[in-house]
Amino acid sequence: MLVRDDGSIVGTVGGGCVEAEVWQAARGVMESERPRTLTFNLNQNPKYDTGLVCGGTLDIFIEPVLPPALLYIFGAGHVALSLYRTARNAGFDVNVIDDRESYANRERFPEAKEVIAEDYEQVMSRLSPARNLVHRDSHARSSRRHAGTALGSADAGPPTLE
């Protein structure tokens, strides 16, 4: 059974009170983005009129369907290229930003979601947390303009270039 953002469903887990409880739990899983397991005893108990007389136990695993996490890599040199490959293998979508077109290009980063060859400050001005970054997003700074490589997440705010 698929529960959409608007609450509508596709498919079924058998109907009745089980389906209503699964729907309610799915809404909570969508909000928390954390999976959950529900267990239902399908043996009829004379104290309760649940209509669940088929017998046995039903376990239902509910998980959110989330888009891939996004990694912003600031810098497109050799360290960034290795980080890009590792992130892609781990299932991340990757955006690469560098102020040099000779480094930030599709030839070097063919599967990147975006490759941006632009001044860092211009790109940063468009990455406000309220508009672009969500809490699953991360960022890495690995450019010649910085003393070292730094990692962060959108929960901590947008990356700084200092």
C-alpha atoms as a PDB file:
ATOM      1  CA  MET A   1       0.000   0.000   0.000  1.00  0.00           C
ATOM      2  CA  LEU A   2       1.402   3.380  -0.979  1.00  0.00           C
ATOM      3  CA  VAL A   3       0.308   6.444   0.987  1.00  0.00           C
ATOM      4  CA  ARG A   4       0.893   9.682  -0.915  1.00  0.00           C
ATOM      5  CA  ASP A   5       1.701  13.109   0.547  1.00  0.00           C
ATOM      6  CA  ASP A   6      -1.925  14.176   0.077  1.00  0.00           C
ATOM      7  CA  GLY A   7      -3.161  11.154   2.086  1.00  0.00           C
ATOM      8  CA  SER A   8      -4.543   9.228  -0.884  1.00  0.00           C
ATOM      9  CA  ILE A   9      -3.588   5.564  -1.216  1.00  0.00           C
ATOM     10  CA  VAL A  10      -2.755   3.076  -3.935  1.00  0.00           C
ATOM     11  CA  GLY A  11      -3.173  -0.602  -3.156  1.00  0.00           C
ATOM     12  CA  THR A  12      -4.331  -2.219   0.048  1.00  0.00           C
ATOM     13  CA  VAL A  13      -3.218  -4.293   3.021  1.00  0.00           C
ATOM     14  CA  GLY A  14      -6.634  -5.880   3.381  1.00  0.00           C
ATOM     15  CA  GLY A  15      -8.901  -3.056   4.401  1.00  0.00           C
ATOM     16  CA  GLY A  16     -10.734  -2.425   7.633  1.00  0.00           C
ATOM     17  CA  CYS A  17      -9.162  -1.299  10.855  1.00  0.00           C
ATOM     18  CA  VAL A  18      -5.719  -2.650   9.876  1.00  0.00           C
ATOM     19  CA  GLU A  19      -5.638  -0.451   6.806  1.00  0.00           C
ATOM     20  CA  ALA A  20      -6.775   2.588   8.779  1.00  0.00           C
ATOM     21  CA  GLU A  21      -4.046   2.049  11.372  1.00  0.00           C
ATOM     22  CA  VAL A  22      -1.394   1.476   8.679  1.00  0.00           C
ATOM     23  CA  TRP A  23      -2.502   4.671   6.923  1.00  0.00           C
ATOM     24  CA  GLN A  24      -2.214   6.628  10.191  1.00  0.00           C
ATOM     25  CA  ALA A  25       1.214   5.155  10.956  1.00  0.00           C
ATOM     26  CA  ALA A  26       2.383   5.868   7.390  1.00  0.00           C
ATOM     27  CA  ARG A  27       1.495   9.538   7.817  1.00  0.00           C
ATOM     28  CA  GLY A  28       3.683   9.590  10.943  1.00  0.00           C
ATOM     29  CA  VAL A  29       6.539   7.841   9.127  1.00  0.00           C
ATOM     30  CA  MET A  30       6.327  10.424   6.339  1.00  0.00           C
ATOM     31  CA  GLU A  31       6.627  13.185   8.922  1.00  0.00           C
ATOM     32  CA  SER A  32       9.495  11.628  10.896  1.00  0.00           C
ATOM     33  CA  GLU A  33      11.246  10.058   7.876  1.00  0.00           C
ATOM     34  CA  ARG A  34      11.931   6.999  10.064  1.00  0.00           C
ATOM     35  CA  PRO A  35      10.685   3.470   9.308  1.00  0.00           C
ATOM     36  CA  ARG A  36       8.358   1.632  11.641  1.00  0.00           C
ATOM     37  CA  THR A  37       6.980  -1.893  12.025  1.00  0.00           C
ATOM     38  CA  LEU A  38       3.396  -2.628  13.064  1.00  0.00           C
ATOM     39  CA  THR A  39       2.183  -6.007  14.312  1.00  0.00           C
ATOM     40  CA  PHE A  40      -1.455  -7.092  14.195  1.00  0.00           C
ATOM     41  CA  ASN A  41      -2.945 -10.150  15.921  1.00  0.00           C
ATOM     42  CA  LEU A  42      -5.594 -11.467  13.518  1.00  0.00           C
ATOM     43  CA  ASN A  43      -7.178 -13.950  15.943  1.00  0.00           C
ATOM     44  CA  GLN A  44     -10.702 -13.008  16.878  1.00  0.00           C
ATOM     45  CA  ASN A  45     -11.063 -11.961  20.499  1.00  0.00           C
ATOM     46  CA  PRO A  46     -14.682 -12.025  21.702  1.00  0.00           C
ATOM     47  CA  LYS A  47     -14.037  -8.881  23.792  1.00  0.00           C
ATOM     48  CA  TYR A  48     -13.374  -6.837  20.652  1.00  0.00           C
ATOM     49  CA  ASP A  49     -15.310  -6.704  17.409  1.00  0.00           C
ATOM     50  CA  THR A  50     -12.414  -6.035  15.065  1.00  0.00           C
ATOM     51  CA  GLY A  51     -13.524  -8.253  12.212  1.00  0.00           C
ATOM     52  CA  LEU A  52     -10.047  -9.814  12.109  1.00  0.00           C
ATOM     53  CA  VAL A  53     -11.010 -13.476  12.068  1.00  0.00           C
ATOM     54  CA  CYS A  54      -8.558 -14.856   9.519  1.00  0.00           C
ATOM     55  CA  GLY A  55      -6.067 -15.894  12.214  1.00  0.00           C
ATOM     56  CA  GLY A  56      -2.345 -15.485  12.623  1.00  0.00           C
ATOM     57  CA  THR A  57      -0.153 -12.433  12.959  1.00  0.00           C
ATOM     58  CA  LEU A  58       0.487  -9.730  10.398  1.00  0.00           C
ATOM     59  CA  ASP A  59       3.694  -7.671  10.492  1.00  0.00           C
ATOM     60  CA  ILE A  60       3.814  -4.565   8.322  1.00  0.00           C
ATOM     61  CA  PHE A  61       7.021  -2.630   7.709  1.00  0.00           C
ATOM     62  CA  ILE A  62       6.462   1.015   6.811  1.00  0.00           C
ATOM     63  CA  GLU A  63       9.259   3.081   5.334  1.00  0.00           C
ATOM     64  CA  PRO A  64       9.375   6.540   3.816  1.00  0.00           C
ATOM     65  CA  VAL A  65      10.202   6.951   0.146  1.00  0.00           C
ATOM     66  CA  LEU A  66      12.778   9.718   0.140  1.00  0.00           C
ATOM     67  CA  PRO A  67      14.697  11.387  -2.636  1.00  0.00           C
ATOM     68  CA  PRO A  68      18.438  10.733  -2.607  1.00  0.00           C
ATOM     69  CA  ALA A  69      20.474  12.892  -0.262  1.00  0.00           C
ATOM     70  CA  LEU A  70      22.275  15.729  -2.023  1.00  0.00           C
ATOM     71  CA  LEU A  71      25.931  16.619  -1.553  1.00  0.00           C
ATOM     72  CA  TYR A  72      27.258  20.006  -2.634  1.00  0.00           C
ATOM     73  CA  ILE A  73      30.996  19.879  -3.321  1.00  0.00           C
ATOM     74  CA  PHE A  74      32.722  23.261  -3.406  1.00  0.00           C
ATOM     75  CA  GLY A  75      35.868  22.717  -5.408  1.00  0.00           C
ATOM     76  CA  ALA A  76      36.484  20.413  -8.362  1.00  0.00           C
ATOM     77  CA  GLY A  77      40.113  19.358  -7.970  1.00  0.00           C
ATOM     78  CA  HIS A  78      41.527  15.887  -7.337  1.00  0.00           C
ATOM     79  CA  VAL A  79      40.143  15.592  -3.776  1.00  0.00           C
ATOM     80  CA  ALA A  80      36.684  16.676  -4.939  1.00  0.00           C
ATOM     81  CA  LEU A  81      36.806  14.158  -7.796  1.00  0.00           C
ATOM     82  CA  SER A  82      37.462  11.296  -5.336  1.00  0.00           C
ATOM     83  CA  LEU A  83      34.762  12.574  -3.000  1.00  0.00           C
ATOM     84  CA  TYR A  84      32.321  12.822  -5.928  1.00  0.00           C
ATOM     85  CA  ARG A  85      32.966   9.185  -6.923  1.00  0.00           C
ATOM     86  CA  THR A  86      32.568   7.960  -3.344  1.00  0.00           C
ATOM     87  CA  ALA A  87      29.367   9.952  -2.816  1.00  0.00           C
ATOM     88  CA  ARG A  88      27.842   8.671  -6.064  1.00  0.00           C
ATOM     89  CA  ASN A  89      28.680   5.085  -5.059  1.00  0.00           C
ATOM     90  CA  ALA A  90      26.990   5.719  -1.700  1.00  0.00           C
ATOM     91  CA  GLY A  91      23.788   6.853  -3.432  1.00  0.00           C
ATOM     92  CA  PHE A  92      24.101  10.637  -3.158  1.00  0.00           C
ATOM     93  CA  ASP A  93      23.101  13.072  -5.851  1.00  0.00           C
ATOM     94  CA  VAL A  94      26.038  15.468  -6.215  1.00  0.00           C
ATOM     95  CA  ASN A  95      26.312  19.122  -7.212  1.00  0.00           C
ATOM     96  CA  VAL A  96      29.845  20.305  -7.986  1.00  0.00           C
ATOM     97  CA  ILE A  97      30.754  23.991  -7.800  1.00  0.00           C
ATOM     98  CA  ASP A  98      34.063  25.527  -8.823  1.00  0.00           C
ATOM     99  CA  ASP A  99      35.032  28.874 -10.281  1.00  0.00           C
ATOM    100  CA  ARG A 100      37.105  27.188 -13.039  1.00  0.00           C
ATOM    101  CA  GLU A 101      35.335  25.809 -16.117  1.00  0.00           C
ATOM    102  CA  SER A 102      38.358  23.657 -16.866  1.00  0.00           C
ATOM    103  CA  TYR A 103      37.615  21.726 -13.644  1.00  0.00           C
ATOM    104  CA  ALA A 104      33.852  22.083 -13.166  1.00  0.00           C
ATOM    105  CA  ASN A 105      32.570  20.341 -16.276  1.00  0.00           C
ATOM    106  CA  ARG A 106      30.590  17.282 -17.370  1.00  0.00           C
ATOM    107  CA  GLU A 107      33.671  15.543 -18.677  1.00  0.00           C
ATOM    108  CA  ARG A 108      35.086  15.315 -15.128  1.00  0.00           C
ATOM    109  CA  PHE A 109      31.744  14.866 -13.339  1.00  0.00           C
ATOM    110  CA  PRO A 110      29.460  13.091 -15.848  1.00  0.00           C
ATOM    111  CA  GLU A 111      26.825  11.882 -13.371  1.00  0.00           C
ATOM    112  CA  ALA A 112      26.626  14.988 -11.207  1.00  0.00           C
ATOM    113  CA  LYS A 113      23.157  16.416 -10.759  1.00  0.00           C
ATOM    114  CA  GLU A 114      24.594  19.865 -11.461  1.00  0.00           C
ATOM    115  CA  VAL A 115      28.037  21.117 -12.400  1.00  0.00           C
ATOM    116  CA  ILE A 116      28.385  24.846 -11.826  1.00  0.00           C
ATOM    117  CA  ALA A 117      31.371  26.851 -13.062  1.00  0.00           C
ATOM    118  CA  GLU A 118      30.746  30.143 -11.318  1.00  0.00           C
ATOM    119  CA  ASP A 119      32.130  32.344  -8.569  1.00  0.00           C
ATOM    120  CA  TYR A 120      31.591  30.687  -5.166  1.00  0.00           C
ATOM    121  CA  GLU A 121      30.001  33.750  -3.590  1.00  0.00           C
ATOM    122  CA  GLN A 122      27.417  33.991  -6.384  1.00  0.00           C
ATOM    123  CA  VAL A 123      26.467  30.354  -5.910  1.00  0.00           C
ATOM    124  CA  MET A 124      26.375  30.737  -2.112  1.00  0.00           C
ATOM    125  CA  SER A 125      23.969  33.653  -2.369  1.00  0.00           C
ATOM    126  CA  ARG A 126      21.464  31.297  -4.019  1.00  0.00           C
ATOM    127  CA  LEU A 127      21.801  28.551  -1.395  1.00  0.00           C
ATOM    128  CA  SER A 128      19.868  29.933   1.533  1.00  0.00           C
ATOM    129  CA  PRO A 129      18.614  27.128   3.809  1.00  0.00           C
ATOM    130  CA  ALA A 130      15.011  28.304   3.571  1.00  0.00           C
ATOM    131  CA  ARG A 131      14.982  28.083  -0.222  1.00  0.00           C
ATOM    132  CA  ASN A 132      17.354  25.343  -1.314  1.00  0.00           C
ATOM    133  CA  LEU A 133      18.882  23.188   1.387  1.00  0.00           C
ATOM    134  CA  VAL A 134      16.935  20.492   3.171  1.00  0.00           C
ATOM    135  CA  HIS A 135      18.109  18.646   6.267  1.00  0.00           C
ATOM    136  CA  ARG A 136      19.282  15.600   4.281  1.00  0.00           C
ATOM    137  CA  ASP A 137      21.660  17.746   2.216  1.00  0.00           C
ATOM    138  CA  SER A 138      25.367  17.962   2.989  1.00  0.00           C
ATOM    139  CA  HIS A 139      28.235  20.043   1.749  1.00  0.00           C
ATOM    140  CA  ALA A 140      31.986  19.627   1.397  1.00  0.00           C
ATOM    141  CA  ARG A 141      34.576  22.317   0.868  1.00  0.00           C
ATOM    142  CA  SER A 142      37.650  21.163  -1.006  1.00  0.00           C
ATOM    143  CA  SER A 143      39.072  23.989  -3.045  1.00  0.00           C
ATOM    144  CA  ARG A 144      42.421  25.665  -3.501  1.00  0.00           C
ATOM    145  CA  ARG A 145      41.075  28.766  -1.716  1.00  0.00           C
ATOM    146  CA  HIS A 146      40.706  26.999   1.633  1.00  0.00           C
ATOM    147  CA  ALA A 147      43.208  25.639   4.109  1.00  0.00           C
ATOM    148  CA  GLY A 148      41.537  22.220   4.286  1.00  0.00           C
ATOM    149  CA  THR A 149      38.573  20.105   3.449  1.00  0.00           C
ATOM    150  CA  ALA A 150      35.430  20.589   5.527  1.00  0.00           C
ATOM    151  CA  LEU A 151      32.164  18.694   5.694  1.00  0.00           C
ATOM    152  CA  GLY A 152      28.796  19.890   6.948  1.00  0.00           C
ATOM    153  CA  SER A 153      25.068  19.434   6.711  1.00  0.00           C
ATOM    154  CA  ALA A 154      22.164  21.722   5.927  1.00  0.00           C
ATOM    155  CA  ASP A 155      21.013  21.356   9.552  1.00  0.00           C
ATOM    156  CA  ALA A 156      24.081  23.388  10.518  1.00  0.00           C
ATOM    157  CA  GLY A 157      23.269  26.069   7.940  1.00  0.00           C
ATOM    158  CA  PRO A 158      24.785  26.806   4.566  1.00  0.00           C
ATOM    159  CA  PRO A 159      28.499  26.291   4.075  1.00  0.00           C
ATOM    160  CA  THR A 160      30.849  29.192   4.647  1.00  0.00           C
ATOM    161  CA  LEU A 161      33.791  29.992   2.451  1.00  0.00           C
ATOM    162  CA  GLU A 162      36.079  31.153   5.249  1.00  0.00           C
END
